[in-house]
Amino acid sequence: MHIQFAELPVVDQDRAKQFYRDALGCSVVADSPMGADSWRWVELGLPGGQTNLHFIRRADDRPSDVPVLVVMVDNVADSVATLRSRGVTIVTEPHEPAWQPGKTVAEFRDSEGNRMILSSAGA
């Protein structure tokens, strides 16, 4: 069993598609018209994952207060360095959270202001 896609709120589908393709290495699985208002079905595949990301319309352009997605990576510090080199806003530097000993986490924002967590597989 696995989750087919996770919904991610965005304001600008093209900007978000470019961010996830260029900054995170996602592949475009689908990009098709969905209706008269020019909104499209955009679905992106995460590298090495089974679950895809699907863009839903965001109500406003205010940055999220809480994380909306946790991305598991092999090395959080290396991933932060890569994202930073690609112009991504890092919210918190890699650290071991008190509530998850043995793991390393960091936070970043995507092009739409969504707050994301990078997490190591850890203990």
N, C-alpha and C. Protein backbone atom coordinates (compact mmCIF):
# COMPACT_ATOMS: atom_id res chain seq x y z
N MET A 1 0.85 -1.17 0.00
CA MET A 1 0.00 0.00 0.00
C MET A 1 0.89 1.23 0.00
N HIS A 2 0.48 2.27 -0.72
CA HIS A 2 1.19 3.54 -0.68
C HIS A 2 0.21 4.66 -1.03
N ILE A 3 0.60 5.88 -0.75
CA ILE A 3 -0.21 7.05 -1.07
C ILE A 3 0.12 7.47 -2.48
N GLN A 4 -0.90 7.67 -3.32
CA GLN A 4 -0.68 8.04 -4.71
C GLN A 4 -0.13 9.46 -4.82
N PHE A 5 -0.79 10.43 -4.16
CA PHE A 5 -0.27 11.80 -4.18
C PHE A 5 -0.66 12.53 -2.92
N ALA A 6 0.14 13.54 -2.60
CA ALA A 6 -0.14 14.45 -1.50
C ALA A 6 -0.47 15.80 -2.12
N GLU A 7 -1.50 16.46 -1.60
CA GLU A 7 -1.90 17.75 -2.15
C GLU A 7 -1.09 18.87 -1.52
N LEU A 8 -0.63 19.76 -2.37
CA LEU A 8 0.22 20.86 -1.95
C LEU A 8 -0.40 22.17 -2.42
N PRO A 9 -0.73 23.08 -1.50
CA PRO A 9 -1.38 24.34 -1.90
C PRO A 9 -0.40 25.30 -2.57
N VAL A 10 -0.80 25.82 -3.74
CA VAL A 10 0.03 26.75 -4.48
C VAL A 10 -0.82 27.88 -5.04
N VAL A 11 -0.18 29.01 -5.29
CA VAL A 11 -0.83 30.15 -5.94
C VAL A 11 -0.51 30.14 -7.43
N ASP A 12 0.75 29.91 -7.76
CA ASP A 12 1.22 29.96 -9.14
C ASP A 12 1.75 28.58 -9.54
N GLN A 13 0.98 27.86 -10.34
CA GLN A 13 1.36 26.50 -10.71
C GLN A 13 2.67 26.44 -11.49
N ASP A 14 2.89 27.37 -12.39
CA ASP A 14 4.13 27.35 -13.18
C ASP A 14 5.35 27.61 -12.30
N ARG A 15 5.24 28.58 -11.40
CA ARG A 15 6.35 28.89 -10.49
C ARG A 15 6.64 27.69 -9.59
N ALA A 16 5.58 27.08 -9.05
CA ALA A 16 5.74 25.92 -8.17
C ALA A 16 6.33 24.73 -8.93
N LYS A 17 5.87 24.50 -10.16
CA LYS A 17 6.38 23.40 -10.96
C LYS A 17 7.88 23.59 -11.21
N GLN A 18 8.28 24.80 -11.55
CA GLN A 18 9.69 25.09 -11.78
C GLN A 18 10.51 24.88 -10.51
N PHE A 19 9.98 25.35 -9.36
CA PHE A 19 10.69 25.18 -8.09
C PHE A 19 10.93 23.71 -7.79
N TYR A 20 9.88 22.91 -7.84
CA TYR A 20 10.01 21.50 -7.48
C TYR A 20 10.85 20.72 -8.48
N ARG A 21 10.80 21.10 -9.73
CA ARG A 21 11.64 20.45 -10.75
C ARG A 21 13.11 20.85 -10.55
N ASP A 22 13.37 22.16 -10.43
CA ASP A 22 14.74 22.65 -10.38
C ASP A 22 15.40 22.50 -9.01
N ALA A 23 14.68 22.78 -7.93
CA ALA A 23 15.28 22.74 -6.59
C ALA A 23 15.29 21.34 -5.98
N LEU A 24 14.25 20.55 -6.24
CA LEU A 24 14.15 19.23 -5.61
C LEU A 24 14.32 18.07 -6.58
N GLY A 25 14.45 18.35 -7.87
CA GLY A 25 14.67 17.28 -8.83
C GLY A 25 13.45 16.44 -9.16
N CYS A 26 12.26 16.99 -8.96
CA CYS A 26 11.03 16.27 -9.28
C CYS A 26 10.84 16.17 -10.78
N SER A 27 10.10 15.15 -11.20
CA SER A 27 9.75 14.99 -12.60
C SER A 27 8.26 15.33 -12.78
N VAL A 28 7.92 15.84 -13.95
CA VAL A 28 6.52 16.18 -14.23
C VAL A 28 5.82 14.90 -14.68
N VAL A 29 4.85 14.46 -13.88
CA VAL A 29 4.07 13.26 -14.19
C VAL A 29 2.87 13.63 -15.05
N ALA A 30 2.25 14.77 -14.73
CA ALA A 30 1.07 15.23 -15.48
C ALA A 30 1.00 16.75 -15.41
N ASP A 31 0.52 17.34 -16.50
CA ASP A 31 0.24 18.77 -16.56
C ASP A 31 -0.84 18.94 -17.63
N SER A 32 -2.10 18.88 -17.19
CA SER A 32 -3.23 18.88 -18.12
C SER A 32 -4.30 19.87 -17.69
N PRO A 33 -5.00 20.48 -18.65
CA PRO A 33 -6.09 21.40 -18.32
C PRO A 33 -7.16 20.70 -17.48
N MET A 34 -7.76 21.47 -16.54
CA MET A 34 -8.79 20.90 -15.68
C MET A 34 -10.12 21.64 -15.78
N GLY A 35 -10.18 22.77 -16.44
CA GLY A 35 -11.43 23.50 -16.48
C GLY A 35 -11.30 24.81 -17.20
N ALA A 36 -12.38 25.57 -17.19
CA ALA A 36 -12.44 26.83 -17.92
C ALA A 36 -11.59 27.93 -17.31
N ASP A 37 -11.23 27.82 -16.04
CA ASP A 37 -10.50 28.90 -15.36
C ASP A 37 -8.99 28.80 -15.50
N SER A 38 -8.48 27.95 -16.35
CA SER A 38 -7.06 27.75 -16.66
C SER A 38 -6.29 27.00 -15.57
N TRP A 39 -6.98 26.53 -14.50
CA TRP A 39 -6.30 25.71 -13.50
C TRP A 39 -6.01 24.36 -14.14
N ARG A 40 -4.83 23.79 -13.81
CA ARG A 40 -4.42 22.54 -14.43
C ARG A 40 -4.21 21.45 -13.39
N TRP A 41 -4.27 20.21 -13.83
CA TRP A 41 -3.87 19.09 -13.00
C TRP A 41 -2.36 18.96 -13.17
N VAL A 42 -1.62 19.38 -12.14
CA VAL A 42 -0.16 19.27 -12.17
C VAL A 42 0.23 18.27 -11.09
N GLU A 43 0.94 17.26 -11.51
CA GLU A 43 1.39 16.22 -10.59
C GLU A 43 2.88 15.99 -10.84
N LEU A 44 3.65 15.97 -9.76
CA LEU A 44 5.10 15.82 -9.86
C LEU A 44 5.55 14.59 -9.09
N GLY A 45 6.54 13.88 -9.64
CA GLY A 45 7.11 12.72 -8.98
C GLY A 45 8.36 13.09 -8.22
N LEU A 46 8.43 12.67 -6.97
CA LEU A 46 9.62 12.89 -6.15
C LEU A 46 10.69 11.87 -6.53
N PRO A 47 11.95 12.27 -6.59
CA PRO A 47 13.01 11.33 -6.95
C PRO A 47 13.03 10.14 -5.98
N GLY A 48 12.96 8.94 -6.53
CA GLY A 48 13.04 7.73 -5.72
C GLY A 48 11.82 7.43 -4.88
N GLY A 49 10.73 8.16 -5.07
CA GLY A 49 9.54 7.95 -4.24
C GLY A 49 8.38 7.37 -5.02
N GLN A 50 7.39 6.88 -4.29
CA GLN A 50 6.15 6.39 -4.89
C GLN A 50 5.05 7.42 -4.83
N THR A 51 5.11 8.31 -3.84
CA THR A 51 4.07 9.32 -3.68
C THR A 51 4.41 10.55 -4.51
N ASN A 52 3.45 11.03 -5.27
CA ASN A 52 3.63 12.23 -6.07
C ASN A 52 3.05 13.44 -5.35
N LEU A 53 3.37 14.63 -5.83
CA LEU A 53 2.80 15.88 -5.33
C LEU A 53 1.78 16.37 -6.34
N HIS A 54 0.64 16.82 -5.85
CA HIS A 54 -0.41 17.36 -6.71
C HIS A 54 -0.73 18.77 -6.21
N PHE A 55 -0.75 19.75 -7.12
CA PHE A 55 -1.01 21.13 -6.73
C PHE A 55 -2.51 21.40 -6.61
N ILE A 56 -2.89 21.98 -5.49
CA ILE A 56 -4.26 22.46 -5.31
C ILE A 56 -4.21 23.98 -5.16
N ARG A 57 -5.32 24.62 -5.43
CA ARG A 57 -5.36 26.09 -5.37
C ARG A 57 -5.27 26.56 -3.92
N ARG A 58 -4.34 27.46 -3.69
CA ARG A 58 -4.15 28.04 -2.37
C ARG A 58 -5.08 29.25 -2.22
N ALA A 59 -5.67 29.41 -1.06
CA ALA A 59 -6.63 30.49 -0.82
C ALA A 59 -5.99 31.87 -0.86
N ASP A 60 -4.74 31.98 -0.41
CA ASP A 60 -4.05 33.28 -0.39
C ASP A 60 -2.56 33.03 -0.51
N ASP A 61 -1.79 34.09 -0.54
CA ASP A 61 -0.34 33.92 -0.72
C ASP A 61 0.45 34.12 0.56
N ARG A 62 -0.22 34.03 1.72
CA ARG A 62 0.49 34.14 3.00
C ARG A 62 1.30 32.88 3.27
N PRO A 63 2.54 33.02 3.75
CA PRO A 63 3.36 31.84 4.06
C PRO A 63 2.70 30.99 5.14
N SER A 64 2.90 29.68 5.07
CA SER A 64 2.32 28.78 6.06
C SER A 64 3.06 28.92 7.39
N ASP A 65 2.31 28.80 8.48
CA ASP A 65 2.90 28.88 9.82
C ASP A 65 3.46 27.53 10.27
N VAL A 66 2.88 26.47 9.75
CA VAL A 66 3.30 25.13 10.15
C VAL A 66 3.76 24.36 8.92
N PRO A 67 4.64 23.39 9.12
CA PRO A 67 5.10 22.58 7.98
C PRO A 67 3.95 21.82 7.33
N VAL A 68 3.99 21.74 6.01
CA VAL A 68 2.94 21.03 5.28
C VAL A 68 3.43 19.71 4.70
N LEU A 69 4.75 19.46 4.74
CA LEU A 69 5.31 18.26 4.14
C LEU A 69 6.64 17.94 4.80
N VAL A 70 6.91 16.66 5.02
CA VAL A 70 8.20 16.20 5.53
C VAL A 70 8.84 15.36 4.43
N VAL A 71 10.05 15.76 4.04
CA VAL A 71 10.79 15.06 2.98
C VAL A 71 11.97 14.33 3.63
N MET A 72 12.02 13.02 3.47
CA MET A 72 13.12 12.22 4.02
C MET A 72 14.29 12.26 3.05
N VAL A 73 15.48 12.53 3.57
CA VAL A 73 16.70 12.60 2.76
C VAL A 73 17.81 11.82 3.46
N ASP A 74 18.84 11.47 2.70
CA ASP A 74 19.97 10.73 3.27
C ASP A 74 20.82 11.62 4.17
N ASN A 75 21.03 12.88 3.76
CA ASN A 75 21.90 13.78 4.50
C ASN A 75 21.29 15.17 4.51
N VAL A 76 20.78 15.58 5.65
CA VAL A 76 20.08 16.86 5.77
C VAL A 76 21.02 18.03 5.49
N ALA A 77 22.23 18.01 6.04
CA ALA A 77 23.17 19.12 5.84
C ALA A 77 23.51 19.28 4.35
N ASP A 78 23.77 18.16 3.67
CA ASP A 78 24.06 18.24 2.23
C ASP A 78 22.86 18.77 1.45
N SER A 79 21.67 18.31 1.82
CA SER A 79 20.45 18.77 1.14
C SER A 79 20.22 20.26 1.35
N VAL A 80 20.48 20.74 2.56
CA VAL A 80 20.34 22.17 2.85
C VAL A 80 21.34 22.96 2.01
N ALA A 81 22.56 22.49 1.93
CA ALA A 81 23.59 23.18 1.12
C ALA A 81 23.17 23.24 -0.35
N THR A 82 22.64 22.15 -0.87
CA THR A 82 22.18 22.12 -2.26
C THR A 82 21.02 23.09 -2.47
N LEU A 83 20.03 23.05 -1.57
CA LEU A 83 18.89 23.95 -1.70
C LEU A 83 19.33 25.41 -1.61
N ARG A 84 20.21 25.71 -0.65
CA ARG A 84 20.70 27.08 -0.50
C ARG A 84 21.41 27.55 -1.77
N SER A 85 22.19 26.67 -2.39
CA SER A 85 22.90 27.04 -3.63
C SER A 85 21.93 27.29 -4.78
N ARG A 86 20.72 26.78 -4.65
CA ARG A 86 19.69 26.98 -5.68
C ARG A 86 18.74 28.13 -5.33
N GLY A 87 19.10 28.89 -4.28
CA GLY A 87 18.33 30.07 -3.92
C GLY A 87 17.14 29.82 -3.02
N VAL A 88 17.04 28.65 -2.42
CA VAL A 88 15.91 28.30 -1.57
C VAL A 88 16.09 28.93 -0.18
N THR A 89 15.00 29.45 0.38
CA THR A 89 15.02 30.05 1.71
C THR A 89 15.04 28.96 2.78
N ILE A 90 16.10 28.94 3.60
CA ILE A 90 16.23 27.98 4.70
C ILE A 90 15.66 28.65 5.95
N VAL A 91 14.71 27.98 6.60
CA VAL A 91 14.04 28.54 7.78
C VAL A 91 14.79 28.16 9.05
N THR A 92 15.18 26.89 9.18
CA THR A 92 16.01 26.45 10.32
C THR A 92 17.15 25.59 9.80
N GLU A 93 18.30 25.76 10.38
CA GLU A 93 19.49 24.99 10.01
C GLU A 93 19.36 23.56 10.54
N PRO A 94 20.15 22.64 10.00
CA PRO A 94 20.10 21.26 10.48
C PRO A 94 20.38 21.18 11.99
N HIS A 95 19.54 20.42 12.67
CA HIS A 95 19.70 20.23 14.12
C HIS A 95 18.98 18.95 14.54
N GLU A 96 19.28 18.49 15.74
CA GLU A 96 18.61 17.32 16.31
C GLU A 96 17.47 17.83 17.19
N PRO A 97 16.22 17.56 16.81
CA PRO A 97 15.10 18.04 17.62
C PRO A 97 14.95 17.23 18.90
N ALA A 98 14.55 17.90 19.97
CA ALA A 98 14.39 17.23 21.26
C ALA A 98 13.36 16.11 21.20
N TRP A 99 12.37 16.24 20.34
CA TRP A 99 11.31 15.24 20.27
C TRP A 99 11.65 14.05 19.36
N GLN A 100 12.82 14.10 18.68
CA GLN A 100 13.24 12.99 17.82
C GLN A 100 14.75 12.77 17.93
N PRO A 101 15.21 12.29 19.08
CA PRO A 101 16.64 12.04 19.25
C PRO A 101 17.17 11.11 18.16
N GLY A 102 18.36 11.42 17.66
CA GLY A 102 18.99 10.59 16.64
C GLY A 102 18.65 11.01 15.22
N LYS A 103 17.72 11.91 15.06
CA LYS A 103 17.36 12.41 13.72
C LYS A 103 17.92 13.82 13.55
N THR A 104 18.07 14.21 12.31
CA THR A 104 18.46 15.57 11.98
C THR A 104 17.34 16.15 11.13
N VAL A 105 16.94 17.39 11.43
CA VAL A 105 15.91 18.06 10.66
C VAL A 105 16.35 19.48 10.32
N ALA A 106 15.75 20.03 9.29
CA ALA A 106 15.92 21.43 8.91
C ALA A 106 14.63 21.82 8.21
N GLU A 107 14.37 23.12 8.11
CA GLU A 107 13.16 23.57 7.43
C GLU A 107 13.51 24.57 6.33
N PHE A 108 12.69 24.54 5.28
CA PHE A 108 12.84 25.48 4.17
C PHE A 108 11.46 25.89 3.68
N ARG A 109 11.42 26.92 2.84
CA ARG A 109 10.17 27.36 2.21
C ARG A 109 10.26 27.10 0.72
N ASP A 110 9.13 26.68 0.15
CA ASP A 110 9.08 26.51 -1.30
C ASP A 110 8.72 27.84 -1.95
N SER A 111 8.53 27.83 -3.25
CA SER A 111 8.23 29.06 -3.99
C SER A 111 6.89 29.68 -3.62
N GLU A 112 6.01 28.90 -3.00
CA GLU A 112 4.66 29.36 -2.65
C GLU A 112 4.52 29.72 -1.18
N GLY A 113 5.63 29.69 -0.44
CA GLY A 113 5.59 30.03 0.98
C GLY A 113 5.26 28.87 1.89
N ASN A 114 5.14 27.66 1.33
CA ASN A 114 4.89 26.48 2.15
C ASN A 114 6.14 26.15 2.96
N ARG A 115 5.93 25.87 4.23
CA ARG A 115 7.03 25.50 5.12
C ARG A 115 7.21 23.98 5.04
N MET A 116 8.43 23.53 4.77
CA MET A 116 8.74 22.13 4.57
C MET A 116 9.82 21.69 5.54
N ILE A 117 9.82 20.40 5.88
CA ILE A 117 10.84 19.83 6.74
C ILE A 117 11.66 18.84 5.93
N LEU A 118 12.97 18.92 6.09
CA LEU A 118 13.87 17.85 5.63
C LEU A 118 14.20 17.03 6.85
N SER A 119 14.15 15.72 6.75
CA SER A 119 14.42 14.86 7.89
C SER A 119 15.30 13.70 7.46
N SER A 120 16.24 13.34 8.33
CA SER A 120 17.08 12.17 8.08
C SER A 120 16.33 10.92 8.52
N ALA A 121 16.75 9.80 7.95
CA ALA A 121 16.15 8.53 8.36
C ALA A 121 16.46 8.28 9.84
N GLY A 122 17.68 8.60 10.25
CA GLY A 122 18.07 8.56 11.67
C GLY A 122 17.84 7.25 12.37
N ALA A 123 17.82 7.33 13.68
CA ALA A 123 17.70 6.13 14.52
C ALA A 123 16.29 5.60 14.57
